[in-house]
Amino acid sequence: MGLDALRAFLDAEFPQVAEDLELLDVSPMHLVMRALVHDRHLRPGGTVSGPSMFALADVAMYLAILAMIGPEALSVTTNCSIDFMRKPAAGANLRAEARLLKLGRALAVGDVLIFSEGGDDPVARASLTYSIPPAKG
């Protein structure tokens, strides 16, 4: 799936988060997206909340997988580990770079680096595993 197809899928299947996310680039085994940070994504102290960063990592990996296998809505996260390494810059959107490390018939494994836009050092790193439903037919 290309950028336009992924955007349409996100809008149709996950409208609750689609307005907060912007797809920037997709290539084989790789996807880049942006989280548009609003007040609702902040925790006390003015930094982006962990659940907001988790959502960005999870959706980025999900869409990276769909870019490779097609619109398989029932692919699901089976594991995620996330390290929060530094405080995101105040007022900055976040950029996620998802990379698939293994794409099998039943499982996909990848990692996501999250950056404050304009920053060079990652603010978080996530490792995710997804279950891919058996092929139909």
C-alpha atoms as a PDB file:
ATOM      1  CA  MET A   1       0.000   0.000   0.000  1.00  0.00           C
ATOM      2  CA  GLY A   2       1.232   3.493  -0.821  1.00  0.00           C
ATOM      3  CA  LEU A   3       0.787   6.730   1.123  1.00  0.00           C
ATOM      4  CA  ASP A   4      -2.639   7.568  -0.311  1.00  0.00           C
ATOM      5  CA  ALA A   5      -4.042   4.084   0.348  1.00  0.00           C
ATOM      6  CA  LEU A   6      -2.629   4.056   3.891  1.00  0.00           C
ATOM      7  CA  ARG A   7      -4.110   7.499   4.598  1.00  0.00           C
ATOM      8  CA  ALA A   8      -7.523   6.383   3.333  1.00  0.00           C
ATOM      9  CA  PHE A   9      -7.314   3.198   5.430  1.00  0.00           C
ATOM     10  CA  LEU A  10      -6.395   5.163   8.570  1.00  0.00           C
ATOM     11  CA  ASP A  11      -9.232   7.644   7.995  1.00  0.00           C
ATOM     12  CA  ALA A  12     -11.775   4.859   7.440  1.00  0.00           C
ATOM     13  CA  GLU A  13     -10.705   2.361  10.108  1.00  0.00           C
ATOM     14  CA  PHE A  14      -9.260   4.578  12.848  1.00  0.00           C
ATOM     15  CA  PRO A  15     -10.902   8.003  12.642  1.00  0.00           C
ATOM     16  CA  GLN A  16     -10.364   8.446  16.395  1.00  0.00           C
ATOM     17  CA  VAL A  17      -6.613   8.970  15.831  1.00  0.00           C
ATOM     18  CA  ALA A  18      -6.382   9.863  12.144  1.00  0.00           C
ATOM     19  CA  GLU A  19      -6.647  13.612  12.701  1.00  0.00           C
ATOM     20  CA  ASP A  20      -3.630  13.527  15.034  1.00  0.00           C
ATOM     21  CA  LEU A  21      -1.333  11.622  12.671  1.00  0.00           C
ATOM     22  CA  GLU A  22       0.261  12.517   9.371  1.00  0.00           C
ATOM     23  CA  LEU A  23       1.957   9.992   7.090  1.00  0.00           C
ATOM     24  CA  LEU A  24       5.159  11.387   5.632  1.00  0.00           C
ATOM     25  CA  ASP A  25       6.912   8.564   3.800  1.00  0.00           C
ATOM     26  CA  VAL A  26       6.609   4.884   3.059  1.00  0.00           C
ATOM     27  CA  SER A  27       9.108   2.545   1.425  1.00  0.00           C
ATOM     28  CA  PRO A  28       9.719  -1.204   1.657  1.00  0.00           C
ATOM     29  CA  MET A  29       9.969  -2.215   5.335  1.00  0.00           C
ATOM     30  CA  HIS A  30       9.989   1.454   6.477  1.00  0.00           C
ATOM     31  CA  LEU A  31       7.461   4.174   7.325  1.00  0.00           C
ATOM     32  CA  VAL A  32       7.720   7.717   8.700  1.00  0.00           C
ATOM     33  CA  MET A  33       4.837   9.563  10.324  1.00  0.00           C
ATOM     34  CA  ARG A  34       4.224  12.625  12.451  1.00  0.00           C
ATOM     35  CA  ALA A  35       2.086  13.052  15.552  1.00  0.00           C
ATOM     36  CA  LEU A  36       0.503  16.482  15.731  1.00  0.00           C
ATOM     37  CA  VAL A  37       0.816  17.253  19.432  1.00  0.00           C
ATOM     38  CA  HIS A  38      -2.066  19.078  21.132  1.00  0.00           C
ATOM     39  CA  ASP A  39      -2.822  19.883  24.762  1.00  0.00           C
ATOM     40  CA  ARG A  40      -4.723  16.595  25.124  1.00  0.00           C
ATOM     41  CA  HIS A  41      -1.459  14.696  24.507  1.00  0.00           C
ATOM     42  CA  LEU A  42       0.394  16.375  27.374  1.00  0.00           C
ATOM     43  CA  ARG A  43       0.899  15.165  30.907  1.00  0.00           C
ATOM     44  CA  PRO A  44       1.490  17.380  33.949  1.00  0.00           C
ATOM     45  CA  GLY A  45       4.723  19.260  33.446  1.00  0.00           C
ATOM     46  CA  GLY A  46       3.921  19.959  29.788  1.00  0.00           C
ATOM     47  CA  THR A  47       5.619  16.977  28.184  1.00  0.00           C
ATOM     48  CA  VAL A  48       4.024  14.491  25.782  1.00  0.00           C
ATOM     49  CA  SER A  49       2.462  11.602  27.697  1.00  0.00           C
ATOM     50  CA  GLY A  50       3.736   8.040  27.454  1.00  0.00           C
ATOM     51  CA  PRO A  51       0.399   6.738  26.152  1.00  0.00           C
ATOM     52  CA  SER A  52       0.535   9.295  23.313  1.00  0.00           C
ATOM     53  CA  MET A  53       4.035   8.157  22.345  1.00  0.00           C
ATOM     54  CA  PHE A  54       2.956   4.508  22.584  1.00  0.00           C
ATOM     55  CA  ALA A  55       0.023   5.203  20.252  1.00  0.00           C
ATOM     56  CA  LEU A  56       2.359   6.826  17.721  1.00  0.00           C
ATOM     57  CA  ALA A  57       4.749   3.861  17.799  1.00  0.00           C
ATOM     58  CA  ASP A  58       1.930   1.318  17.569  1.00  0.00           C
ATOM     59  CA  VAL A  59       0.158   2.985  14.643  1.00  0.00           C
ATOM     60  CA  ALA A  60       3.444   3.577  12.795  1.00  0.00           C
ATOM     61  CA  MET A  61       4.363  -0.117  13.011  1.00  0.00           C
ATOM     62  CA  TYR A  62       0.832  -1.211  12.106  1.00  0.00           C
ATOM     63  CA  LEU A  63       0.867   0.929   8.965  1.00  0.00           C
ATOM     64  CA  ALA A  64       4.405  -0.172   8.052  1.00  0.00           C
ATOM     65  CA  ILE A  65       3.137  -3.761   8.101  1.00  0.00           C
ATOM     66  CA  LEU A  66       0.024  -2.933   6.077  1.00  0.00           C
ATOM     67  CA  ALA A  67       2.188  -1.131   3.528  1.00  0.00           C
ATOM     68  CA  MET A  68       3.808  -4.510   2.888  1.00  0.00           C
ATOM     69  CA  ILE A  69       0.878  -6.964   3.196  1.00  0.00           C
ATOM     70  CA  GLY A  70      -2.140  -4.873   2.185  1.00  0.00           C
ATOM     71  CA  PRO A  71      -5.201  -3.733   4.143  1.00  0.00           C
ATOM     72  CA  GLU A  72      -5.355  -6.522   6.715  1.00  0.00           C
ATOM     73  CA  ALA A  73      -7.246  -4.742   9.488  1.00  0.00           C
ATOM     74  CA  LEU A  74      -7.069  -7.683  11.892  1.00  0.00           C
ATOM     75  CA  SER A  75      -3.283  -7.640  12.281  1.00  0.00           C
ATOM     76  CA  VAL A  76      -2.780  -7.020  15.994  1.00  0.00           C
ATOM     77  CA  THR A  77      -0.048  -6.051  18.424  1.00  0.00           C
ATOM     78  CA  THR A  78       1.087  -9.044  20.474  1.00  0.00           C
ATOM     79  CA  ASN A  79       3.980  -7.376  22.275  1.00  0.00           C
ATOM     80  CA  CYS A  80       5.432  -3.921  22.781  1.00  0.00           C
ATOM     81  CA  SER A  81       8.318  -2.679  24.842  1.00  0.00           C
ATOM     82  CA  ILE A  82       9.024   1.034  24.908  1.00  0.00           C
ATOM     83  CA  ASP A  83      11.928   2.961  26.396  1.00  0.00           C
ATOM     84  CA  PHE A  84      11.385   6.635  27.158  1.00  0.00           C
ATOM     85  CA  MET A  85      14.882   8.071  26.823  1.00  0.00           C
ATOM     86  CA  ARG A  86      14.507  11.828  27.118  1.00  0.00           C
ATOM     87  CA  LYS A  87      11.843  14.479  27.478  1.00  0.00           C
ATOM     88  CA  PRO A  88      10.366  15.606  24.137  1.00  0.00           C
ATOM     89  CA  ALA A  89      10.906  19.258  23.277  1.00  0.00           C
ATOM     90  CA  ALA A  90       8.119  21.511  24.531  1.00  0.00           C
ATOM     91  CA  GLY A  91       5.604  22.382  21.831  1.00  0.00           C
ATOM     92  CA  ALA A  92       7.196  20.131  19.205  1.00  0.00           C
ATOM     93  CA  ASN A  93       5.381  17.534  17.137  1.00  0.00           C
ATOM     94  CA  LEU A  94       6.807  14.023  17.202  1.00  0.00           C
ATOM     95  CA  ARG A  95       8.210  12.033  14.271  1.00  0.00           C
ATOM     96  CA  ALA A  96       8.203   8.232  14.244  1.00  0.00           C
ATOM     97  CA  GLU A  97      10.478   6.153  12.057  1.00  0.00           C
ATOM     98  CA  ALA A  98       9.229   2.560  11.875  1.00  0.00           C
ATOM     99  CA  ARG A  99      11.425  -0.215  10.526  1.00  0.00           C
ATOM    100  CA  LEU A 100      10.302  -3.790   9.956  1.00  0.00           C
ATOM    101  CA  LEU A 101      13.035  -6.222  10.959  1.00  0.00           C
ATOM    102  CA  LYS A 102      11.153  -9.427  10.099  1.00  0.00           C
ATOM    103  CA  LEU A 103       7.989  -9.900   8.100  1.00  0.00           C
ATOM    104  CA  GLY A 104       6.817 -13.504   8.146  1.00  0.00           C
ATOM    105  CA  ARG A 105       3.512 -15.175   7.336  1.00  0.00           C
ATOM    106  CA  ALA A 106       2.293 -15.108  10.950  1.00  0.00           C
ATOM    107  CA  LEU A 107       4.462 -12.557  12.774  1.00  0.00           C
ATOM    108  CA  ALA A 108       6.064  -9.208  12.082  1.00  0.00           C
ATOM    109  CA  VAL A 109       8.780  -7.704  14.276  1.00  0.00           C
ATOM    110  CA  GLY A 110      10.037  -4.157  14.109  1.00  0.00           C
ATOM    111  CA  ASP A 111      11.226  -1.116  15.933  1.00  0.00           C
ATOM    112  CA  VAL A 112      10.201   2.512  16.038  1.00  0.00           C
ATOM    113  CA  LEU A 113      12.349   5.484  16.945  1.00  0.00           C
ATOM    114  CA  ILE A 114      10.462   8.595  18.068  1.00  0.00           C
ATOM    115  CA  PHE A 115      12.005  12.049  17.764  1.00  0.00           C
ATOM    116  CA  SER A 116      10.938  15.554  18.698  1.00  0.00           C
ATOM    117  CA  GLU A 117      10.720  17.310  15.345  1.00  0.00           C
ATOM    118  CA  GLY A 118      13.901  19.241  14.778  1.00  0.00           C
ATOM    119  CA  GLY A 119      15.866  17.052  17.203  1.00  0.00           C
ATOM    120  CA  ASP A 120      18.565  14.547  16.316  1.00  0.00           C
ATOM    121  CA  ASP A 121      18.343  12.279  19.353  1.00  0.00           C
ATOM    122  CA  PRO A 122      15.416   9.891  19.847  1.00  0.00           C
ATOM    123  CA  VAL A 123      13.078  10.564  22.760  1.00  0.00           C
ATOM    124  CA  ALA A 124      11.745   6.992  22.765  1.00  0.00           C
ATOM    125  CA  ARG A 125      12.407   3.595  21.213  1.00  0.00           C
ATOM    126  CA  ALA A 126       9.808   0.866  20.862  1.00  0.00           C
ATOM    127  CA  SER A 127      10.130  -2.776  19.873  1.00  0.00           C
ATOM    128  CA  LEU A 128       6.894  -4.330  18.612  1.00  0.00           C
ATOM    129  CA  THR A 129       5.632  -7.728  17.484  1.00  0.00           C
ATOM    130  CA  TYR A 130       2.419  -8.138  15.501  1.00  0.00           C
ATOM    131  CA  SER A 131       0.345 -11.193  14.724  1.00  0.00           C
ATOM    132  CA  ILE A 132      -0.773 -11.409  11.098  1.00  0.00           C
ATOM    133  CA  PRO A 133      -3.967 -13.404  10.444  1.00  0.00           C
ATOM    134  CA  PRO A 134      -3.714 -16.424   8.142  1.00  0.00           C
ATOM    135  CA  ALA A 135      -4.186 -15.706   4.445  1.00  0.00           C
ATOM    136  CA  LYS A 136      -7.763 -16.123   3.240  1.00  0.00           C
ATOM    137  CA  GLY A 137      -8.653 -18.822   0.778  1.00  0.00           C
END
